[in-house]
């Protein structure tokens, strides 16, 4: 391996939005994440909606069943007005 071409690695504390922390190695000095193994539904076994930037609402609006309006009865056609003579 060549010398002085690899980035420097640091021991990093990773902070999750749920409050848990763990140590790993990275080229950055500090990491913040939204989801970790302590709060991710796959690892916890609990189903939880994780809404990022309103994606759930957007999906629900897109695929919501639209209410079908009651059919509007058509009004009886009015009697035709006699054509005016242009002479």
PDB file of N, CA and C in Angstrom:
ATOM      1  N   UNK A   1       0.835  -1.184   0.000  1.00  0.00           N
ATOM      2  CA  UNK A   1       0.000   0.000   0.000  1.00  0.00           C
ATOM      3  C   UNK A   1       0.879   1.246   0.000  1.00  0.00           C
ATOM      4  N   UNK A   2       0.416   2.263  -0.666  1.00  0.00           N
ATOM      5  CA  UNK A   2       1.166   3.516  -0.714  1.00  0.00           C
ATOM      6  C   UNK A   2       0.954   4.307   0.569  1.00  0.00           C
ATOM      7  N   UNK A   3       1.978   5.002   0.969  1.00  0.00           N
ATOM      8  CA  UNK A   3       1.897   5.842   2.153  1.00  0.00           C
ATOM      9  C   UNK A   3       1.259   7.186   1.812  1.00  0.00           C
ATOM     10  N   UNK A   4       0.564   7.753   2.783  1.00  0.00           N
ATOM     11  CA  UNK A   4       0.024   9.113   2.740  1.00  0.00           C
ATOM     12  C   UNK A   4      -1.030   9.347   1.656  1.00  0.00           C
ATOM     13  N   UNK A   5      -1.743   8.302   1.223  1.00  0.00           N
ATOM     14  CA  UNK A   5      -2.832   8.517   0.267  1.00  0.00           C
ATOM     15  C   UNK A   5      -4.185   8.157   0.874  1.00  0.00           C
ATOM     16  N   UNK A   6      -4.187   7.514   2.030  1.00  0.00           N
ATOM     17  CA  UNK A   6      -5.434   7.070   2.643  1.00  0.00           C
ATOM     18  C   UNK A   6      -5.936   8.112   3.639  1.00  0.00           C
ATOM     19  N   UNK A   7      -7.255   8.290   3.716  1.00  0.00           N
ATOM     20  CA  UNK A   7      -7.788   9.274   4.668  1.00  0.00           C
ATOM     21  C   UNK A   7      -7.577   8.809   6.104  1.00  0.00           C
ATOM     22  N   UNK A   8      -7.531   9.754   6.988  1.00  0.00           N
ATOM     23  CA  UNK A   8      -7.322   9.448   8.398  1.00  0.00           C
ATOM     24  C   UNK A   8      -8.628   8.935   9.003  1.00  0.00           C
ATOM     25  N   UNK A   9      -8.553   7.851   9.770  1.00  0.00           N
ATOM     26  CA  UNK A   9      -9.726   7.287  10.426  1.00  0.00           C
ATOM     27  C   UNK A   9      -9.774   7.742  11.875  1.00  0.00           C
ATOM     28  N   UNK A  10     -11.001   8.013  12.333  1.00  0.00           N
ATOM     29  CA  UNK A  10     -11.225   8.450  13.703  1.00  0.00           C
ATOM     30  C   UNK A  10     -12.173   7.475  14.386  1.00  0.00           C
ATOM     31  N   UNK A  11     -12.051   7.342  15.709  1.00  0.00           N
ATOM     32  CA  UNK A  11     -13.075   6.666  16.492  1.00  0.00           C
ATOM     33  C   UNK A  11     -14.198   7.677  16.684  1.00  0.00           C
ATOM     34  N   UNK A  12     -15.407   7.307  16.249  1.00  0.00           N
ATOM     35  CA  UNK A  12     -16.512   8.252  16.175  1.00  0.00           C
ATOM     36  C   UNK A  12     -17.660   7.802  17.064  1.00  0.00           C
ATOM     37  N   UNK A  13     -18.257   8.741  17.796  1.00  0.00           N
ATOM     38  CA  UNK A  13     -19.507   8.491  18.502  1.00  0.00           C
ATOM     39  C   UNK A  13     -20.643   8.802  17.541  1.00  0.00           C
ATOM     40  N   UNK A  14     -21.490   7.822  17.278  1.00  0.00           N
ATOM     41  CA  UNK A  14     -22.642   8.012  16.407  1.00  0.00           C
ATOM     42  C   UNK A  14     -23.838   8.299  17.303  1.00  0.00           C
ATOM     43  N   UNK A  15     -24.518   9.426  17.058  1.00  0.00           N
ATOM     44  CA  UNK A  15     -25.674   9.834  17.851  1.00  0.00           C
ATOM     45  C   UNK A  15     -26.932   9.621  17.019  1.00  0.00           C
ATOM     46  N   UNK A  16     -27.893   8.886  17.580  1.00  0.00           N
ATOM     47  CA  UNK A  16     -29.156   8.631  16.889  1.00  0.00           C
ATOM     48  C   UNK A  16     -30.218   9.594  17.411  1.00  0.00           C
ATOM     49  N   UNK A  17     -31.266   9.795  16.611  1.00  0.00           N
ATOM     50  CA  UNK A  17     -32.371  10.657  17.017  1.00  0.00           C
ATOM     51  C   UNK A  17     -33.129  10.069  18.201  1.00  0.00           C
ATOM     52  N   UNK A  18     -33.056   8.752  18.403  1.00  0.00           N
ATOM     53  CA  UNK A  18     -33.750   8.117  19.530  1.00  0.00           C
ATOM     54  C   UNK A  18     -32.980   8.284  20.832  1.00  0.00           C
ATOM     55  N   UNK A  19     -31.751   8.757  20.769  1.00  0.00           N
ATOM     56  CA  UNK A  19     -30.963   8.994  21.969  1.00  0.00           C
ATOM     57  C   UNK A  19     -29.849   7.991  22.199  1.00  0.00           C
ATOM     58  N   UNK A  20     -29.828   6.910  21.450  1.00  0.00           N
ATOM     59  CA  UNK A  20     -28.765   5.924  21.653  1.00  0.00           C
ATOM     60  C   UNK A  20     -27.477   6.381  20.973  1.00  0.00           C
ATOM     61  N   UNK A  21     -26.370   5.877  21.476  1.00  0.00           N
ATOM     62  CA  UNK A  21     -25.058   6.208  20.926  1.00  0.00           C
ATOM     63  C   UNK A  21     -24.233   4.935  20.820  1.00  0.00           C
ATOM     64  N   UNK A  22     -23.364   4.884  19.838  1.00  0.00           N
ATOM     65  CA  UNK A  22     -22.413   3.784  19.725  1.00  0.00           C
ATOM     66  C   UNK A  22     -21.150   4.307  19.060  1.00  0.00           C
ATOM     67  N   UNK A  23     -20.089   3.542  19.183  1.00  0.00           N
ATOM     68  CA  UNK A  23     -18.782   3.965  18.665  1.00  0.00           C
ATOM     69  C   UNK A  23     -18.435   3.125  17.444  1.00  0.00           C
ATOM     70  N   UNK A  24     -17.925   3.781  16.425  1.00  0.00           N
ATOM     71  CA  UNK A  24     -17.460   3.108  15.216  1.00  0.00           C
ATOM     72  C   UNK A  24     -16.273   3.907  14.683  1.00  0.00           C
ATOM     73  N   UNK A  25     -15.792   3.543  13.515  1.00  0.00           N
ATOM     74  CA  UNK A  25     -14.672   4.268  12.904  1.00  0.00           C
ATOM     75  C   UNK A  25     -15.153   4.901  11.608  1.00  0.00           C
ATOM     76  N   UNK A  26     -14.685   6.113  11.356  1.00  0.00           N
ATOM     77  CA  UNK A  26     -15.093   6.830  10.161  1.00  0.00           C
ATOM     78  C   UNK A  26     -14.062   7.904   9.841  1.00  0.00           C
ATOM     79  N   UNK A  27     -14.163   8.455   8.636  1.00  0.00           N
ATOM     80  CA  UNK A  27     -13.291   9.560   8.257  1.00  0.00           C
ATOM     81  C   UNK A  27     -13.836  10.883   8.784  1.00  0.00           C
ATOM     82  N   UNK A  28     -15.112  10.894   9.200  1.00  0.00           N
ATOM     83  CA  UNK A  28     -15.693  12.084   9.817  1.00  0.00           C
ATOM     84  C   UNK A  28     -15.479  12.013  11.320  1.00  0.00           C
ATOM     85  N   UNK A  29     -15.530  13.148  11.974  1.00  0.00           N
ATOM     86  CA  UNK A  29     -15.277  13.169  13.412  1.00  0.00           C
ATOM     87  C   UNK A  29     -16.537  12.956  14.238  1.00  0.00           C
ATOM     88  N   UNK A  30     -17.714  13.210  13.656  1.00  0.00           N
ATOM     89  CA  UNK A  30     -18.967  13.028  14.382  1.00  0.00           C
ATOM     90  C   UNK A  30     -20.065  12.660  13.390  1.00  0.00           C
ATOM     91  N   UNK A  31     -20.941  11.737  13.784  1.00  0.00           N
ATOM     92  CA  UNK A  31     -22.045  11.320  12.927  1.00  0.00           C
ATOM     93  C   UNK A  31     -23.358  11.422  13.689  1.00  0.00           C
ATOM     94  N   UNK A  32     -24.395  11.885  13.002  1.00  0.00           N
ATOM     95  CA  UNK A  32     -25.751  11.914  13.553  1.00  0.00           C
ATOM     96  C   UNK A  32     -26.650  11.202  12.550  1.00  0.00           C
ATOM     97  N   UNK A  33     -27.463  10.263  13.054  1.00  0.00           N
ATOM     98  CA  UNK A  33     -28.354   9.496  12.193  1.00  0.00           C
ATOM     99  C   UNK A  33     -29.780   9.599  12.717  1.00  0.00           C
ATOM    100  N   UNK A  34     -30.756   9.356  11.828  1.00  0.00           N
ATOM    101  CA  UNK A  34     -32.161   9.384  12.223  1.00  0.00           C
ATOM    102  C   UNK A  34     -32.612   8.040  12.766  1.00  0.00           C
ATOM    103  N   UNK A  35     -32.044   6.950  12.244  1.00  0.00           N
ATOM    104  CA  UNK A  35     -32.476   5.606  12.616  1.00  0.00           C
ATOM    105  C   UNK A  35     -31.242   4.754  12.874  1.00  0.00           C
ATOM    106  N   UNK A  36     -31.285   3.968  13.949  1.00  0.00           N
ATOM    107  CA  UNK A  36     -30.181   3.056  14.253  1.00  0.00           C
ATOM    108  C   UNK A  36     -30.761   1.679  14.574  1.00  0.00           C
ATOM    109  N   UNK A  37     -29.916   0.742  14.923  1.00  0.00           N
ATOM    110  CA  UNK A  37     -30.394  -0.608  15.216  1.00  0.00           C
ATOM    111  C   UNK A  37     -31.222  -0.660  16.497  1.00  0.00           C
ATOM    112  N   UNK A  38     -31.119   0.343  17.348  1.00  0.00           N
ATOM    113  CA  UNK A  38     -31.907   0.363  18.580  1.00  0.00           C
ATOM    114  C   UNK A  38     -33.353   0.790  18.333  1.00  0.00           C
ATOM    115  N   UNK A  39     -33.609   1.516  17.243  1.00  0.00           N
ATOM    116  CA  UNK A  39     -34.967   2.007  17.000  1.00  0.00           C
ATOM    117  C   UNK A  39     -35.537   1.602  15.641  1.00  0.00           C
ATOM    118  N   UNK A  40     -34.775   0.931  14.796  1.00  0.00           N
ATOM    119  CA  UNK A  40     -35.273   0.527  13.482  1.00  0.00           C
ATOM    120  C   UNK A  40     -36.270  -0.619  13.633  1.00  0.00           C
ATOM    121  N   UNK A  41     -37.416  -0.570  12.936  1.00  0.00           N
ATOM    122  CA  UNK A  41     -38.440  -1.609  13.074  1.00  0.00           C
ATOM    123  C   UNK A  41     -37.943  -3.016  12.744  1.00  0.00           C
ATOM    124  N   UNK A  42     -37.007  -3.160  11.838  1.00  0.00           N
ATOM    125  CA  UNK A  42     -36.500  -4.488  11.496  1.00  0.00           C
ATOM    126  C   UNK A  42     -35.825  -5.130  12.699  1.00  0.00           C
ATOM    127  N   UNK A  43     -35.067  -4.366  13.448  1.00  0.00           N
ATOM    128  CA  UNK A  43     -34.328  -4.903  14.584  1.00  0.00           C
ATOM    129  C   UNK A  43     -35.180  -4.986  15.846  1.00  0.00           C
ATOM    130  N   UNK A  44     -36.163  -4.093  16.008  1.00  0.00           N
ATOM    131  CA  UNK A  44     -36.984  -4.091  17.216  1.00  0.00           C
ATOM    132  C   UNK A  44     -38.172  -5.024  17.105  1.00  0.00           C
ATOM    133  N   UNK A  45     -38.598  -5.351  15.893  1.00  0.00           N
ATOM    134  CA  UNK A  45     -39.755  -6.217  15.703  1.00  0.00           C
ATOM    135  C   UNK A  45     -41.073  -5.481  15.828  1.00  0.00           C
ATOM    136  N   UNK A  46     -41.041  -4.188  16.002  1.00  0.00           N
ATOM    137  CA  UNK A  46     -42.253  -3.387  16.117  1.00  0.00           C
ATOM    138  C   UNK A  46     -42.434  -2.601  14.833  1.00  0.00           C
ATOM    139  N   UNK A  47     -43.681  -2.592  14.347  1.00  0.00           N
ATOM    140  CA  UNK A  47     -43.942  -1.820  13.139  1.00  0.00           C
ATOM    141  C   UNK A  47     -44.194  -0.375  13.545  1.00  0.00           C
ATOM    142  N   UNK A  48     -43.551   0.523  12.861  1.00  0.00           N
ATOM    143  CA  UNK A  48     -43.669   1.937  13.179  1.00  0.00           C
ATOM    144  C   UNK A  48     -43.552   2.718  11.881  1.00  0.00           C
ATOM    145  N   UNK A  49     -44.413   3.698  11.702  1.00  0.00           N
ATOM    146  CA  UNK A  49     -44.319   4.545  10.519  1.00  0.00           C
ATOM    147  C   UNK A  49     -43.197   5.541  10.723  1.00  0.00           C
ATOM    148  N   UNK A  50     -42.285   5.571   9.793  1.00  0.00           N
ATOM    149  CA  UNK A  50     -41.180   6.519   9.861  1.00  0.00           C
ATOM    150  C   UNK A  50     -41.385   7.513   8.727  1.00  0.00           C
ATOM    151  N   UNK A  51     -41.969   8.628   9.064  1.00  0.00           N
ATOM    152  CA  UNK A  51     -42.315   9.627   8.065  1.00  0.00           C
ATOM    153  C   UNK A  51     -41.157  10.595   7.882  1.00  0.00           C
ATOM    154  N   UNK A  52     -40.638  10.622   6.694  1.00  0.00           N
ATOM    155  CA  UNK A  52     -39.571  11.555   6.379  1.00  0.00           C
ATOM    156  C   UNK A  52     -40.101  12.547   5.357  1.00  0.00           C
ATOM    157  N   UNK A  53     -40.190  13.768   5.748  1.00  0.00           N
ATOM    158  CA  UNK A  53     -40.606  14.871   4.870  1.00  0.00           C
ATOM    159  C   UNK A  53     -41.994  14.660   4.291  1.00  0.00           C
ATOM    160  N   UNK A  54     -42.935  14.128   5.082  1.00  0.00           N
ATOM    161  CA  UNK A  54     -44.321  14.015   4.655  1.00  0.00           C
ATOM    162  C   UNK A  54     -44.586  12.967   3.600  1.00  0.00           C
ATOM    163  N   UNK A  55     -43.750  11.973   3.485  1.00  0.00           N
ATOM    164  CA  UNK A  55     -43.930  10.977   2.432  1.00  0.00           C
ATOM    165  C   UNK A  55     -45.172  10.124   2.651  1.00  0.00           C
ATOM    166  N   UNK A  56     -45.499   9.847   3.908  1.00  0.00           N
ATOM    167  CA  UNK A  56     -46.689   9.042   4.187  1.00  0.00           C
ATOM    168  C   UNK A  56     -47.936   9.802   3.769  1.00  0.00           C
ATOM    169  N   UNK A  57     -48.020  11.087   4.115  1.00  0.00           N
ATOM    170  CA  UNK A  57     -49.178  11.884   3.727  1.00  0.00           C
ATOM    171  C   UNK A  57     -49.284  11.985   2.208  1.00  0.00           C
ATOM    172  N   UNK A  58     -48.160  12.142   1.548  1.00  0.00           N
ATOM    173  CA  UNK A  58     -48.159  12.228   0.090  1.00  0.00           C
ATOM    174  C   UNK A  58     -48.685  10.929  -0.518  1.00  0.00           C
ATOM    175  N   UNK A  59     -48.247   9.801   0.023  1.00  0.00           N
ATOM    176  CA  UNK A  59     -48.715   8.504  -0.467  1.00  0.00           C
ATOM    177  C   UNK A  59     -50.213   8.359  -0.221  1.00  0.00           C
ATOM    178  N   UNK A  60     -50.670   8.712   0.981  1.00  0.00           N
ATOM    179  CA  UNK A  60     -52.088   8.581   1.308  1.00  0.00           C
ATOM    180  C   UNK A  60     -52.947   9.470   0.421  1.00  0.00           C
ATOM    181  N   UNK A  61     -52.484  10.682   0.134  1.00  0.00           N
ATOM    182  CA  UNK A  61     -53.245  11.556  -0.759  1.00  0.00           C
ATOM    183  C   UNK A  61     -53.302  10.978  -2.165  1.00  0.00           C
ATOM    184  N   UNK A  62     -52.202  10.400  -2.610  1.00  0.00           N
ATOM    185  CA  UNK A  62     -52.129   9.901  -3.982  1.00  0.00           C
ATOM    186  C   UNK A  62     -53.038   8.699  -4.191  1.00  0.00           C
ATOM    187  N   UNK A  63     -53.084   7.798  -3.202  1.00  0.00           N
ATOM    188  CA  UNK A  63     -53.824   6.556  -3.376  1.00  0.00           C
ATOM    189  C   UNK A  63     -55.096   6.481  -2.543  1.00  0.00           C
ATOM    190  N   UNK A  64     -55.544   7.590  -2.007  1.00  0.00           N
ATOM    191  CA  UNK A  64     -56.788   7.594  -1.238  1.00  0.00           C
ATOM    192  C   UNK A  64     -57.951   7.337  -2.188  1.00  0.00           C
ATOM    193  N   UNK A  65     -58.941   6.618  -1.664  1.00  0.00           N
ATOM    194  CA  UNK A  65     -60.123   6.374  -2.493  1.00  0.00           C
ATOM    195  C   UNK A  65     -60.908   7.668  -2.577  1.00  0.00           C
ATOM    196  N   UNK A  66     -61.216   8.032  -3.770  1.00  0.00           N
ATOM    197  CA  UNK A  66     -61.955   9.262  -3.975  1.00  0.00           C
ATOM    198  C   UNK A  66     -63.438   8.971  -3.776  1.00  0.00           C
ATOM    199  N   UNK A  67     -64.135   9.912  -3.132  1.00  0.00           N
ATOM    200  CA  UNK A  67     -65.565   9.741  -2.926  1.00  0.00           C
ATOM    201  C   UNK A  67     -66.264   9.920  -4.265  1.00  0.00           C
ATOM    202  N   UNK A  68     -67.195   9.013  -4.526  1.00  0.00           N
ATOM    203  CA  UNK A  68     -67.936   9.086  -5.779  1.00  0.00           C
ATOM    204  C   UNK A  68     -69.131   9.992  -5.542  1.00  0.00           C
ATOM    205  N   UNK A  69     -69.238  11.037  -6.318  1.00  0.00           N
ATOM    206  CA  UNK A  69     -70.352  11.967  -6.185  1.00  0.00           C
ATOM    207  C   UNK A  69     -71.610  11.305  -6.721  1.00  0.00           C
ATOM    208  N   UNK A  70     -72.738  11.613  -6.094  1.00  0.00           N
ATOM    209  CA  UNK A  70     -74.013  11.066  -6.555  1.00  0.00           C
ATOM    210  C   UNK A  70     -74.256  11.568  -7.970  1.00  0.00           C
ATOM    211  N   UNK A  71     -74.755  10.691  -8.829  1.00  0.00           N
ATOM    212  CA  UNK A  71     -74.983  11.137 -10.210  1.00  0.00           C
ATOM    213  C   UNK A  71     -76.014  12.260 -10.241  1.00  0.00           C
ATOM    214  N   UNK A  72     -75.717  13.268 -10.991  1.00  0.00           N
ATOM    215  CA  UNK A  72     -76.599  14.426 -11.096  1.00  0.00           C
ATOM    216  C   UNK A  72     -77.621  14.136 -12.181  1.00  0.00           C
ATOM    217  N   UNK A  73     -78.898  14.244 -11.792  1.00  0.00           N
ATOM    218  CA  UNK A  73     -79.966  14.008 -12.773  1.00  0.00           C
ATOM    219  C   UNK A  73     -79.956  15.161 -13.765  1.00  0.00           C
ATOM    220  N   UNK A  74     -79.983  14.802 -15.029  1.00  0.00           N
ATOM    221  CA  UNK A  74     -79.960  15.846 -16.046  1.00  0.00           C
ATOM    222  C   UNK A  74     -81.327  16.494 -16.130  1.00  0.00           C
ATOM    223  N   UNK A  75     -81.336  17.780 -16.231  1.00  0.00           N
ATOM    224  CA  UNK A  75     -82.594  18.507 -16.359  1.00  0.00           C
ATOM    225  C   UNK A  75     -83.185  18.212 -17.727  1.00  0.00           C
ATOM    226  N   UNK A  76     -84.518  18.243 -17.774  1.00  0.00           N
ATOM    227  CA  UNK A  76     -85.199  17.989 -19.049  1.00  0.00           C
ATOM    228  C   UNK A  76     -84.797  19.080 -20.027  1.00  0.00           C
ATOM    229  N   UNK A  77     -84.490  18.683 -21.248  1.00  0.00           N
ATOM    230  CA  UNK A  77     -84.091  19.709 -22.219  1.00  0.00           C
ATOM    231  C   UNK A  77     -85.240  20.680 -22.473  1.00  0.00           C
ATOM    232  N   UNK A  78     -84.900  21.935 -22.517  1.00  0.00           N
ATOM    233  CA  UNK A  78     -85.917  22.952 -22.755  1.00  0.00           C
ATOM    234  C   UNK A  78     -86.383  22.860 -24.200  1.00  0.00           C
ATOM    235  N   UNK A  79     -87.599  23.313 -24.403  1.00  0.00           N
ATOM    236  CA  UNK A  79     -88.152  23.282 -25.756  1.00  0.00           C
ATOM    237  C   UNK A  79     -87.286  24.160 -26.645  1.00  0.00           C
ATOM    238  N   UNK A  80     -87.068  23.678 -27.826  1.00  0.00           N
ATOM    239  CA  UNK A  80     -86.214  24.429 -28.732  1.00  0.00           C
ATOM    240  C   UNK A  80     -86.903  25.716 -29.147  1.00  0.00           C
ATOM    241  N   UNK A  81     -86.159  26.766 -29.132  1.00  0.00           N
ATOM    242  CA  UNK A  81     -86.708  28.054 -29.554  1.00  0.00           C
ATOM    243  C   UNK A  81     -86.773  28.059 -31.076  1.00  0.00           C
ATOM    244  N   UNK A  82     -87.847  28.621 -31.616  1.00  0.00           N
ATOM    245  CA  UNK A  82     -87.944  28.654 -33.081  1.00  0.00           C
ATOM    246  C   UNK A  82     -86.829  29.517 -33.668  1.00  0.00           C
ATOM    247  N   UNK A  83     -86.358  29.085 -34.787  1.00  0.00           N
ATOM    248  CA  UNK A  83     -85.290  29.818 -35.449  1.00  0.00           C
ATOM    249  C   UNK A  83     -85.835  31.135 -35.971  1.00  0.00           C
ATOM    250  N   UNK A  84     -85.079  32.173 -35.786  1.00  0.00           N
ATOM    251  CA  UNK A  84     -85.511  33.476 -36.269  1.00  0.00           C
ATOM    252  C   UNK A  84     -85.200  33.590 -37.754  1.00  0.00           C
ATOM    253  N   UNK A  85     -86.066  34.229 -38.419  1.00  0.00           N
ATOM    254  CA  UNK A  85     -85.856  34.439 -39.844  1.00  0.00           C
ATOM    255  C   UNK A  85     -84.969  35.659 -40.025  1.00  0.00           C
ATOM    256  N   UNK A  86     -83.945  35.511 -40.787  1.00  0.00           N
ATOM    257  CA  UNK A  86     -83.017  36.612 -41.015  1.00  0.00           C
ATOM    258  C   UNK A  86     -83.382  37.410 -42.256  1.00  0.00           C
ATOM    259  N   UNK A  87     -84.564  37.365 -42.697  1.00  0.00           N
ATOM    260  CA  UNK A  87     -84.925  38.078 -43.918  1.00  0.00           C
ATOM    261  C   UNK A  87     -85.660  39.326 -43.653  1.00  0.00           C
TER     262      UNK A  87
END
